[in-house]
């Protein structure tokens, strides 16, 4: 099982959604809008001083599904090279409780 996290500027959220749909990576996911933080692209607070916000997508699936998420993000980075978009992948252990 692979966990893939995508943190992106909300300016490219709709474009990401389109790429995810085109590559069929929406089997199971979590979307968290209005994510605040500080990264290499600057601060995101959603206030009057730092008005931008991020969105966080979480995906769990097999390696093939994770690879499709990577490809979707790669396409977005090619189209919007100056927007903050980051992807992280981890091996995930899932426990049935």
PDB file of N, CA and C in Angstrom:
ATOM      1  N   UNK A   1       0.858  -1.174   0.000  1.00  0.00           N
ATOM      2  CA  UNK A   1       0.000   0.000   0.000  1.00  0.00           C
ATOM      3  C   UNK A   1       0.899   1.231   0.000  1.00  0.00           C
ATOM      4  N   UNK A   2       0.539   2.211  -0.834  1.00  0.00           N
ATOM      5  CA  UNK A   2       1.281   3.461  -0.971  1.00  0.00           C
ATOM      6  C   UNK A   2       0.379   4.621  -0.546  1.00  0.00           C
ATOM      7  N   UNK A   3       0.947   5.532   0.241  1.00  0.00           N
ATOM      8  CA  UNK A   3       0.254   6.782   0.587  1.00  0.00           C
ATOM      9  C   UNK A   3       0.906   7.881  -0.248  1.00  0.00           C
ATOM     10  N   UNK A   4       0.100   8.621  -0.971  1.00  0.00           N
ATOM     11  CA  UNK A   4       0.592   9.736  -1.773  1.00  0.00           C
ATOM     12  C   UNK A   4      -0.087  11.005  -1.281  1.00  0.00           C
ATOM     13  N   UNK A   5       0.713  12.002  -0.979  1.00  0.00           N
ATOM     14  CA  UNK A   5       0.212  13.299  -0.549  1.00  0.00           C
ATOM     15  C   UNK A   5       0.555  14.336  -1.616  1.00  0.00           C
ATOM     16  N   UNK A   6      -0.410  15.155  -1.948  1.00  0.00           N
ATOM     17  CA  UNK A   6      -0.189  16.259  -2.880  1.00  0.00           C
ATOM     18  C   UNK A   6      -0.618  17.533  -2.163  1.00  0.00           C
ATOM     19  N   UNK A   7       0.328  18.450  -2.008  1.00  0.00           N
ATOM     20  CA  UNK A   7       0.049  19.758  -1.422  1.00  0.00           C
ATOM     21  C   UNK A   7       0.239  20.770  -2.541  1.00  0.00           C
ATOM     22  N   UNK A   8      -0.795  21.568  -2.798  1.00  0.00           N
ATOM     23  CA  UNK A   8      -0.738  22.477  -3.942  1.00  0.00           C
ATOM     24  C   UNK A   8      -1.429  23.795  -3.632  1.00  0.00           C
ATOM     25  N   UNK A   9      -0.986  24.824  -4.309  1.00  0.00           N
ATOM     26  CA  UNK A   9      -1.652  26.110  -4.250  1.00  0.00           C
ATOM     27  C   UNK A   9      -3.072  25.930  -4.802  1.00  0.00           C
ATOM     28  N   UNK A  10      -4.039  26.540  -4.148  1.00  0.00           N
ATOM     29  CA  UNK A  10      -5.427  26.381  -4.590  1.00  0.00           C
ATOM     30  C   UNK A  10      -5.659  26.931  -5.990  1.00  0.00           C
ATOM     31  N   UNK A  11      -4.741  27.745  -6.479  1.00  0.00           N
ATOM     32  CA  UNK A  11      -4.866  28.287  -7.835  1.00  0.00           C
ATOM     33  C   UNK A  11      -4.855  27.178  -8.882  1.00  0.00           C
ATOM     34  N   UNK A  12      -4.255  26.037  -8.579  1.00  0.00           N
ATOM     35  CA  UNK A  12      -4.191  24.935  -9.549  1.00  0.00           C
ATOM     36  C   UNK A  12      -5.078  23.754  -9.137  1.00  0.00           C
ATOM     37  N   UNK A  13      -5.921  23.941  -8.140  1.00  0.00           N
ATOM     38  CA  UNK A  13      -6.768  22.851  -7.643  1.00  0.00           C
ATOM     39  C   UNK A  13      -7.661  22.263  -8.738  1.00  0.00           C
ATOM     40  N   UNK A  14      -8.356  23.103  -9.490  1.00  0.00           N
ATOM     41  CA  UNK A  14      -9.242  22.603 -10.536  1.00  0.00           C
ATOM     42  C   UNK A  14      -8.465  21.869 -11.628  1.00  0.00           C
ATOM     43  N   UNK A  15      -7.285  22.383 -11.942  1.00  0.00           N
ATOM     44  CA  UNK A  15      -6.445  21.715 -12.941  1.00  0.00           C
ATOM     45  C   UNK A  15      -5.998  20.340 -12.442  1.00  0.00           C
ATOM     46  N   UNK A  16      -5.648  20.252 -11.172  1.00  0.00           N
ATOM     47  CA  UNK A  16      -5.301  18.954 -10.588  1.00  0.00           C
ATOM     48  C   UNK A  16      -6.482  17.990 -10.653  1.00  0.00           C
ATOM     49  N   UNK A  17      -7.663  18.479 -10.283  1.00  0.00           N
ATOM     50  CA  UNK A  17      -8.857  17.628 -10.324  1.00  0.00           C
ATOM     51  C   UNK A  17      -9.095  17.084 -11.728  1.00  0.00           C
ATOM     52  N   UNK A  18      -8.887  17.923 -12.735  1.00  0.00           N
ATOM     53  CA  UNK A  18      -9.061  17.470 -14.121  1.00  0.00           C
ATOM     54  C   UNK A  18      -8.040  16.395 -14.484  1.00  0.00           C
ATOM     55  N   UNK A  19      -6.785  16.587 -14.088  1.00  0.00           N
ATOM     56  CA  UNK A  19      -5.759  15.579 -14.376  1.00  0.00           C
ATOM     57  C   UNK A  19      -6.024  14.284 -13.613  1.00  0.00           C
ATOM     58  N   UNK A  20      -6.442  14.391 -12.356  1.00  0.00           N
ATOM     59  CA  UNK A  20      -6.769  13.186 -11.584  1.00  0.00           C
ATOM     60  C   UNK A  20      -7.896  12.407 -12.265  1.00  0.00           C
ATOM     61  N   UNK A  21      -8.909  13.126 -12.730  1.00  0.00           N
ATOM     62  CA  UNK A  21     -10.035  12.470 -13.409  1.00  0.00           C
ATOM     63  C   UNK A  21      -9.574  11.829 -14.717  1.00  0.00           C
ATOM     64  N   UNK A  22      -8.735  12.542 -15.469  1.00  0.00           N
ATOM     65  CA  UNK A  22      -8.263  12.026 -16.758  1.00  0.00           C
ATOM     66  C   UNK A  22      -7.445  10.749 -16.585  1.00  0.00           C
ATOM     67  N   UNK A  23      -6.723  10.643 -15.456  1.00  0.00           N
ATOM     68  CA  UNK A  23      -5.870   9.474 -15.207  1.00  0.00           C
ATOM     69  C   UNK A  23      -6.514   8.467 -14.255  1.00  0.00           C
ATOM     70  N   UNK A  24      -7.798   8.691 -13.936  1.00  0.00           N
ATOM     71  CA  UNK A  24      -8.571   7.757 -13.111  1.00  0.00           C
ATOM     72  C   UNK A  24      -7.885   7.456 -11.775  1.00  0.00           C
ATOM     73  N   UNK A  25      -7.566   8.501 -11.021  1.00  0.00           N
ATOM     74  CA  UNK A  25      -6.937   8.304  -9.717  1.00  0.00           C
ATOM     75  C   UNK A  25      -7.867   8.666  -8.560  1.00  0.00           C
ATOM     76  N   UNK A  26      -9.154   8.741  -8.819  1.00  0.00           N
ATOM     77  CA  UNK A  26     -10.086   9.133  -7.773  1.00  0.00           C
ATOM     78  C   UNK A  26     -10.836   7.976  -7.137  1.00  0.00           C
ATOM     79  N   UNK A  27     -10.277   6.775  -7.175  1.00  0.00           N
ATOM     80  CA  UNK A  27     -10.962   5.646  -6.542  1.00  0.00           C
ATOM     81  C   UNK A  27     -11.246   5.931  -5.071  1.00  0.00           C
ATOM     82  N   UNK A  28     -10.207   6.264  -4.327  1.00  0.00           N
ATOM     83  CA  UNK A  28     -10.355   6.610  -2.913  1.00  0.00           C
ATOM     84  C   UNK A  28      -9.357   7.716  -2.605  1.00  0.00           C
ATOM     85  N   UNK A  29      -9.853   8.791  -2.026  1.00  0.00           N
ATOM     86  CA  UNK A  29      -8.984   9.909  -1.701  1.00  0.00           C
ATOM     87  C   UNK A  29      -9.616  10.766  -0.618  1.00  0.00           C
ATOM     88  N   UNK A  30      -8.806  11.626  -0.042  1.00  0.00           N
ATOM     89  CA  UNK A  30      -9.268  12.640   0.891  1.00  0.00           C
ATOM     90  C   UNK A  30      -8.784  13.976   0.370  1.00  0.00           C
ATOM     91  N   UNK A  31      -9.641  14.969   0.381  1.00  0.00           N
ATOM     92  CA  UNK A  31      -9.292  16.328  -0.044  1.00  0.00           C
ATOM     93  C   UNK A  31      -9.524  17.260   1.129  1.00  0.00           C
ATOM     94  N   UNK A  32      -8.485  17.998   1.495  1.00  0.00           N
ATOM     95  CA  UNK A  32      -8.580  18.947   2.604  1.00  0.00           C
ATOM     96  C   UNK A  32      -8.324  20.340   2.046  1.00  0.00           C
ATOM     97  N   UNK A  33      -9.352  21.161   1.928  1.00  0.00           N
ATOM     98  CA  UNK A  33      -9.174  22.521   1.400  1.00  0.00           C
ATOM     99  C   UNK A  33      -8.694  23.463   2.512  1.00  0.00           C
ATOM    100  N   UNK A  34      -8.195  24.612   2.113  1.00  0.00           N
ATOM    101  CA  UNK A  34      -7.831  25.649   3.084  1.00  0.00           C
ATOM    102  C   UNK A  34      -6.665  25.272   3.975  1.00  0.00           C
ATOM    103  N   UNK A  35      -5.634  24.645   3.406  1.00  0.00           N
ATOM    104  CA  UNK A  35      -4.469  24.221   4.175  1.00  0.00           C
ATOM    105  C   UNK A  35      -3.493  25.389   4.277  1.00  0.00           C
ATOM    106  N   UNK A  36      -3.035  25.670   5.497  1.00  0.00           N
ATOM    107  CA  UNK A  36      -2.112  26.772   5.742  1.00  0.00           C
ATOM    108  C   UNK A  36      -0.744  26.234   6.109  1.00  0.00           C
ATOM    109  N   UNK A  37       0.303  26.997   5.787  1.00  0.00           N
ATOM    110  CA  UNK A  37       1.649  26.586   6.141  1.00  0.00           C
ATOM    111  C   UNK A  37       2.683  27.467   5.466  1.00  0.00           C
ATOM    112  N   UNK A  38       3.943  27.060   5.621  1.00  0.00           N
ATOM    113  CA  UNK A  38       5.063  27.775   5.024  1.00  0.00           C
ATOM    114  C   UNK A  38       5.945  26.753   4.333  1.00  0.00           C
ATOM    115  N   UNK A  39       6.286  27.039   3.091  1.00  0.00           N
ATOM    116  CA  UNK A  39       7.167  26.164   2.334  1.00  0.00           C
ATOM    117  C   UNK A  39       8.055  26.976   1.423  1.00  0.00           C
ATOM    118  N   UNK A  40       8.647  26.312   0.467  1.00  0.00           N
ATOM    119  CA  UNK A  40       9.567  26.998  -0.434  1.00  0.00           C
ATOM    120  C   UNK A  40       8.857  28.020  -1.317  1.00  0.00           C
ATOM    121  N   UNK A  41       7.538  27.890  -1.464  1.00  0.00           N
ATOM    122  CA  UNK A  41       6.769  28.852  -2.265  1.00  0.00           C
ATOM    123  C   UNK A  41       6.251  30.020  -1.436  1.00  0.00           C
ATOM    124  N   UNK A  42       6.582  30.047  -0.150  1.00  0.00           N
ATOM    125  CA  UNK A  42       6.146  31.145   0.705  1.00  0.00           C
ATOM    126  C   UNK A  42       5.057  30.735   1.672  1.00  0.00           C
ATOM    127  N   UNK A  43       4.526  31.726   2.355  1.00  0.00           N
ATOM    128  CA  UNK A  43       3.501  31.477   3.366  1.00  0.00           C
ATOM    129  C   UNK A  43       2.119  31.379   2.741  1.00  0.00           C
ATOM    130  N   UNK A  44       1.308  30.531   3.315  1.00  0.00           N
ATOM    131  CA  UNK A  44      -0.099  30.368   2.929  1.00  0.00           C
ATOM    132  C   UNK A  44      -0.905  30.402   4.226  1.00  0.00           C
ATOM    133  N   UNK A  45      -1.599  31.514   4.455  1.00  0.00           N
ATOM    134  CA  UNK A  45      -2.372  31.670   5.692  1.00  0.00           C
ATOM    135  C   UNK A  45      -3.854  31.940   5.462  1.00  0.00           C
ATOM    136  N   UNK A  46      -4.211  32.372   4.272  1.00  0.00           N
ATOM    137  CA  UNK A  46      -5.606  32.680   4.009  1.00  0.00           C
ATOM    138  C   UNK A  46      -6.099  33.922   4.726  1.00  0.00           C
ATOM    139  N   UNK A  47      -5.192  34.844   5.057  1.00  0.00           N
ATOM    140  CA  UNK A  47      -5.612  36.082   5.721  1.00  0.00           C
ATOM    141  C   UNK A  47      -5.298  37.284   4.832  1.00  0.00           C
ATOM    142  N   UNK A  48      -5.511  38.479   5.339  1.00  0.00           N
ATOM    143  CA  UNK A  48      -5.319  39.667   4.510  1.00  0.00           C
ATOM    144  C   UNK A  48      -3.842  39.949   4.196  1.00  0.00           C
ATOM    145  N   UNK A  49      -2.912  39.433   4.977  1.00  0.00           N
ATOM    146  CA  UNK A  49      -1.488  39.634   4.709  1.00  0.00           C
ATOM    147  C   UNK A  49      -0.946  38.543   3.781  1.00  0.00           C
ATOM    148  N   UNK A  50      -1.293  37.309   4.046  1.00  0.00           N
ATOM    149  CA  UNK A  50      -0.881  36.158   3.236  1.00  0.00           C
ATOM    150  C   UNK A  50      -2.153  35.472   2.749  1.00  0.00           C
ATOM    151  N   UNK A  51      -2.787  35.994   1.687  1.00  0.00           N
ATOM    152  CA  UNK A  51      -4.129  35.537   1.309  1.00  0.00           C
ATOM    153  C   UNK A  51      -4.211  34.164   0.644  1.00  0.00           C
ATOM    154  N   UNK A  52      -3.116  33.638   0.149  1.00  0.00           N
ATOM    155  CA  UNK A  52      -3.204  32.370  -0.566  1.00  0.00           C
ATOM    156  C   UNK A  52      -3.373  31.207   0.401  1.00  0.00           C
ATOM    157  N   UNK A  53      -3.960  30.130  -0.121  1.00  0.00           N
ATOM    158  CA  UNK A  53      -4.143  28.892   0.633  1.00  0.00           C
ATOM    159  C   UNK A  53      -3.733  27.715  -0.239  1.00  0.00           C
ATOM    160  N   UNK A  54      -3.478  26.605   0.416  1.00  0.00           N
ATOM    161  CA  UNK A  54      -3.175  25.360  -0.272  1.00  0.00           C
ATOM    162  C   UNK A  54      -4.341  24.398  -0.138  1.00  0.00           C
ATOM    163  N   UNK A  55      -4.252  23.325  -0.879  1.00  0.00           N
ATOM    164  CA  UNK A  55      -5.176  22.202  -0.767  1.00  0.00           C
ATOM    165  C   UNK A  55      -4.313  20.956  -0.599  1.00  0.00           C
ATOM    166  N   UNK A  56      -4.804  19.997   0.164  1.00  0.00           N
ATOM    167  CA  UNK A  56      -4.075  18.752   0.401  1.00  0.00           C
ATOM    168  C   UNK A  56      -4.923  17.585  -0.074  1.00  0.00           C
ATOM    169  N   UNK A  57      -4.338  16.743  -0.915  1.00  0.00           N
ATOM    170  CA  UNK A  57      -4.974  15.508  -1.364  1.00  0.00           C
ATOM    171  C   UNK A  57      -4.206  14.338  -0.777  1.00  0.00           C
ATOM    172  N   UNK A  58      -4.925  13.357  -0.243  1.00  0.00           N
ATOM    173  CA  UNK A  58      -4.333  12.124   0.270  1.00  0.00           C
ATOM    174  C   UNK A  58      -4.901  10.956  -0.518  1.00  0.00           C
ATOM    175  N   UNK A  59      -4.009  10.109  -1.016  1.00  0.00           N
ATOM    176  CA  UNK A  59      -4.407   8.927  -1.766  1.00  0.00           C
ATOM    177  C   UNK A  59      -3.773   7.699  -1.131  1.00  0.00           C
ATOM    178  N   UNK A  60      -4.525   6.620  -1.081  1.00  0.00           N
ATOM    179  CA  UNK A  60      -3.996   5.318  -0.662  1.00  0.00           C
ATOM    180  C   UNK A  60      -4.315   4.329  -1.764  1.00  0.00           C
ATOM    181  N   UNK A  61      -3.325   3.555  -2.159  1.00  0.00           N
ATOM    182  CA  UNK A  61      -3.568   2.576  -3.203  1.00  0.00           C
ATOM    183  C   UNK A  61      -2.317   1.773  -3.483  1.00  0.00           C
ATOM    184  N   UNK A  62      -2.368   1.025  -4.565  1.00  0.00           N
ATOM    185  CA  UNK A  62      -1.211   0.228  -4.956  1.00  0.00           C
ATOM    186  C   UNK A  62      -0.214   1.110  -5.709  1.00  0.00           C
ATOM    187  N   UNK A  63       0.912   0.545  -6.076  1.00  0.00           N
ATOM    188  CA  UNK A  63       1.972   1.289  -6.758  1.00  0.00           C
ATOM    189  C   UNK A  63       1.462   1.903  -8.066  1.00  0.00           C
ATOM    190  N   UNK A  64       0.657   1.153  -8.798  1.00  0.00           N
ATOM    191  CA  UNK A  64       0.130   1.654 -10.070  1.00  0.00           C
ATOM    192  C   UNK A  64      -0.703   2.918  -9.854  1.00  0.00           C
ATOM    193  N   UNK A  65      -1.562   2.903  -8.845  1.00  0.00           N
ATOM    194  CA  UNK A  65      -2.369   4.092  -8.541  1.00  0.00           C
ATOM    195  C   UNK A  65      -1.483   5.265  -8.142  1.00  0.00           C
ATOM    196  N   UNK A  66      -0.481   4.991  -7.329  1.00  0.00           N
ATOM    197  CA  UNK A  66       0.453   6.036  -6.924  1.00  0.00           C
ATOM    198  C   UNK A  66       1.188   6.629  -8.109  1.00  0.00           C
ATOM    199  N   UNK A  67       1.556   5.779  -9.068  1.00  0.00           N
ATOM    200  CA  UNK A  67       2.242   6.254 -10.276  1.00  0.00           C
ATOM    201  C   UNK A  67       1.344   7.168 -11.103  1.00  0.00           C
ATOM    202  N   UNK A  68       0.040   6.884 -11.124  1.00  0.00           N
ATOM    203  CA  UNK A  68      -0.887   7.745 -11.866  1.00  0.00           C
ATOM    204  C   UNK A  68      -0.998   9.123 -11.210  1.00  0.00           C
ATOM    205  N   UNK A  69      -0.966   9.161  -9.875  1.00  0.00           N
ATOM    206  CA  UNK A  69      -0.986  10.453  -9.182  1.00  0.00           C
ATOM    207  C   UNK A  69       0.279  11.240  -9.526  1.00  0.00           C
ATOM    208  N   UNK A  70       1.421  10.560  -9.521  1.00  0.00           N
ATOM    209  CA  UNK A  70       2.688  11.211  -9.878  1.00  0.00           C
ATOM    210  C   UNK A  70       2.607  11.800 -11.287  1.00  0.00           C
ATOM    211  N   UNK A  71       2.067  11.055 -12.220  1.00  0.00           N
ATOM    212  CA  UNK A  71       1.952  11.539 -13.596  1.00  0.00           C
ATOM    213  C   UNK A  71       1.032  12.762 -13.668  1.00  0.00           C
ATOM    214  N   UNK A  72      -0.074  12.754 -12.934  1.00  0.00           N
ATOM    215  CA  UNK A  72      -0.985  13.905 -12.927  1.00  0.00           C
ATOM    216  C   UNK A  72      -0.273  15.146 -12.404  1.00  0.00           C
ATOM    217  N   UNK A  73       0.474  14.994 -11.328  1.00  0.00           N
ATOM    218  CA  UNK A  73       1.196  16.142 -10.757  1.00  0.00           C
ATOM    219  C   UNK A  73       2.298  16.590 -11.706  1.00  0.00           C
ATOM    220  N   UNK A  74       2.976  15.670 -12.351  1.00  0.00           N
ATOM    221  CA  UNK A  74       4.015  16.024 -13.323  1.00  0.00           C
ATOM    222  C   UNK A  74       3.425  16.896 -14.441  1.00  0.00           C
ATOM    223  N   UNK A  75       2.253  16.534 -14.916  1.00  0.00           N
ATOM    224  CA  UNK A  75       1.593  17.325 -15.966  1.00  0.00           C
ATOM    225  C   UNK A  75       1.279  18.741 -15.492  1.00  0.00           C
ATOM    226  N   UNK A  76       0.812  18.856 -14.252  1.00  0.00           N
ATOM    227  CA  UNK A  76       0.487  20.174 -13.700  1.00  0.00           C
ATOM    228  C   UNK A  76       1.749  21.009 -13.543  1.00  0.00           C
ATOM    229  N   UNK A  77       2.825  20.405 -13.052  1.00  0.00           N
ATOM    230  CA  UNK A  77       4.083  21.140 -12.897  1.00  0.00           C
ATOM    231  C   UNK A  77       4.632  21.608 -14.246  1.00  0.00           C
ATOM    232  N   UNK A  78       4.410  20.836 -15.301  1.00  0.00           N
ATOM    233  CA  UNK A  78       4.834  21.268 -16.633  1.00  0.00           C
ATOM    234  C   UNK A  78       4.041  22.486 -17.100  1.00  0.00           C
ATOM    235  N   UNK A  79       2.740  22.502 -16.795  1.00  0.00           N
ATOM    236  CA  UNK A  79       1.879  23.614 -17.205  1.00  0.00           C
ATOM    237  C   UNK A  79       2.057  24.847 -16.325  1.00  0.00           C
ATOM    238  N   UNK A  80       2.333  24.622 -15.041  1.00  0.00           N
ATOM    239  CA  UNK A  80       2.428  25.716 -14.066  1.00  0.00           C
ATOM    240  C   UNK A  80       3.718  25.579 -13.254  1.00  0.00           C
ATOM    241  N   UNK A  81       4.864  25.796 -13.872  1.00  0.00           N
ATOM    242  CA  UNK A  81       6.130  25.548 -13.190  1.00  0.00           C
ATOM    243  C   UNK A  81       6.397  26.461 -11.990  1.00  0.00           C
ATOM    244  N   UNK A  82       5.739  27.613 -11.926  1.00  0.00           N
ATOM    245  CA  UNK A  82       5.995  28.550 -10.839  1.00  0.00           C
ATOM    246  C   UNK A  82       5.017  28.429  -9.673  1.00  0.00           C
ATOM    247  N   UNK A  83       4.014  27.559  -9.803  1.00  0.00           N
ATOM    248  CA  UNK A  83       3.055  27.363  -8.707  1.00  0.00           C
ATOM    249  C   UNK A  83       3.595  26.328  -7.727  1.00  0.00           C
ATOM    250  N   UNK A  84       3.275  26.533  -6.472  1.00  0.00           N
ATOM    251  CA  UNK A  84       3.697  25.579  -5.451  1.00  0.00           C
ATOM    252  C   UNK A  84       2.878  24.298  -5.525  1.00  0.00           C
ATOM    253  N   UNK A  85       3.505  23.225  -5.930  1.00  0.00           N
ATOM    254  CA  UNK A  85       2.873  21.897  -5.963  1.00  0.00           C
ATOM    255  C   UNK A  85       3.940  20.905  -5.519  1.00  0.00           C
ATOM    256  N   UNK A  86       3.652  20.144  -4.465  1.00  0.00           N
ATOM    257  CA  UNK A  86       4.602  19.154  -3.963  1.00  0.00           C
ATOM    258  C   UNK A  86       3.901  17.815  -3.811  1.00  0.00           C
ATOM    259  N   UNK A  87       4.669  16.766  -4.025  1.00  0.00           N
ATOM    260  CA  UNK A  87       4.147  15.408  -3.917  1.00  0.00           C
ATOM    261  C   UNK A  87       5.089  14.603  -3.030  1.00  0.00           C
ATOM    262  N   UNK A  88       4.506  13.803  -2.139  1.00  0.00           N
ATOM    263  CA  UNK A  88       5.251  12.929  -1.248  1.00  0.00           C
ATOM    264  C   UNK A  88       4.629  11.540  -1.319  1.00  0.00           C
ATOM    265  N   UNK A  89       5.456  10.510  -1.316  1.00  0.00           N
ATOM    266  CA  UNK A  89       4.943   9.142  -1.280  1.00  0.00           C
ATOM    267  C   UNK A  89       5.647   8.362  -0.179  1.00  0.00           C
ATOM    268  N   UNK A  90       4.867   7.487   0.460  1.00  0.00           N
ATOM    269  CA  UNK A  90       5.369   6.665   1.553  1.00  0.00           C
ATOM    270  C   UNK A  90       4.781   5.268   1.439  1.00  0.00           C
ATOM    271  N   UNK A  91       5.482   4.295   1.926  1.00  0.00           N
ATOM    272  CA  UNK A  91       4.896   2.977   2.113  1.00  0.00           C
ATOM    273  C   UNK A  91       3.941   3.099   3.291  1.00  0.00           C
ATOM    274  N   UNK A  92       2.766   2.539   3.140  1.00  0.00           N
ATOM    275  CA  UNK A  92       1.751   2.645   4.192  1.00  0.00           C
ATOM    276  C   UNK A  92       1.320   1.258   4.660  1.00  0.00           C
ATOM    277  N   UNK A  93       1.231   1.095   5.941  1.00  0.00           N
ATOM    278  CA  UNK A  93       0.677  -0.120   6.521  1.00  0.00           C
ATOM    279  C   UNK A  93      -0.764   0.168   6.923  1.00  0.00           C
ATOM    280  N   UNK A  94      -1.650  -0.693   6.511  1.00  0.00           N
ATOM    281  CA  UNK A  94      -3.068  -0.527   6.828  1.00  0.00           C
ATOM    282  C   UNK A  94      -3.472  -1.660   7.757  1.00  0.00           C
ATOM    283  N   UNK A  95      -4.116  -1.297   8.838  1.00  0.00           N
ATOM    284  CA  UNK A  95      -4.541  -2.274   9.825  1.00  0.00           C
ATOM    285  C   UNK A  95      -6.071  -2.346   9.847  1.00  0.00           C
ATOM    286  N   UNK A  96      -6.592  -3.513   9.693  1.00  0.00           N
ATOM    287  CA  UNK A  96      -8.036  -3.726   9.816  1.00  0.00           C
ATOM    288  C   UNK A  96      -8.333  -3.973  11.283  1.00  0.00           C
ATOM    289  N   UNK A  97      -9.020  -3.040  11.914  1.00  0.00           N
ATOM    290  CA  UNK A  97      -9.332  -3.161  13.338  1.00  0.00           C
ATOM    291  C   UNK A  97     -10.781  -3.467  13.561  1.00  0.00           C
TER     292      UNK A  97
END
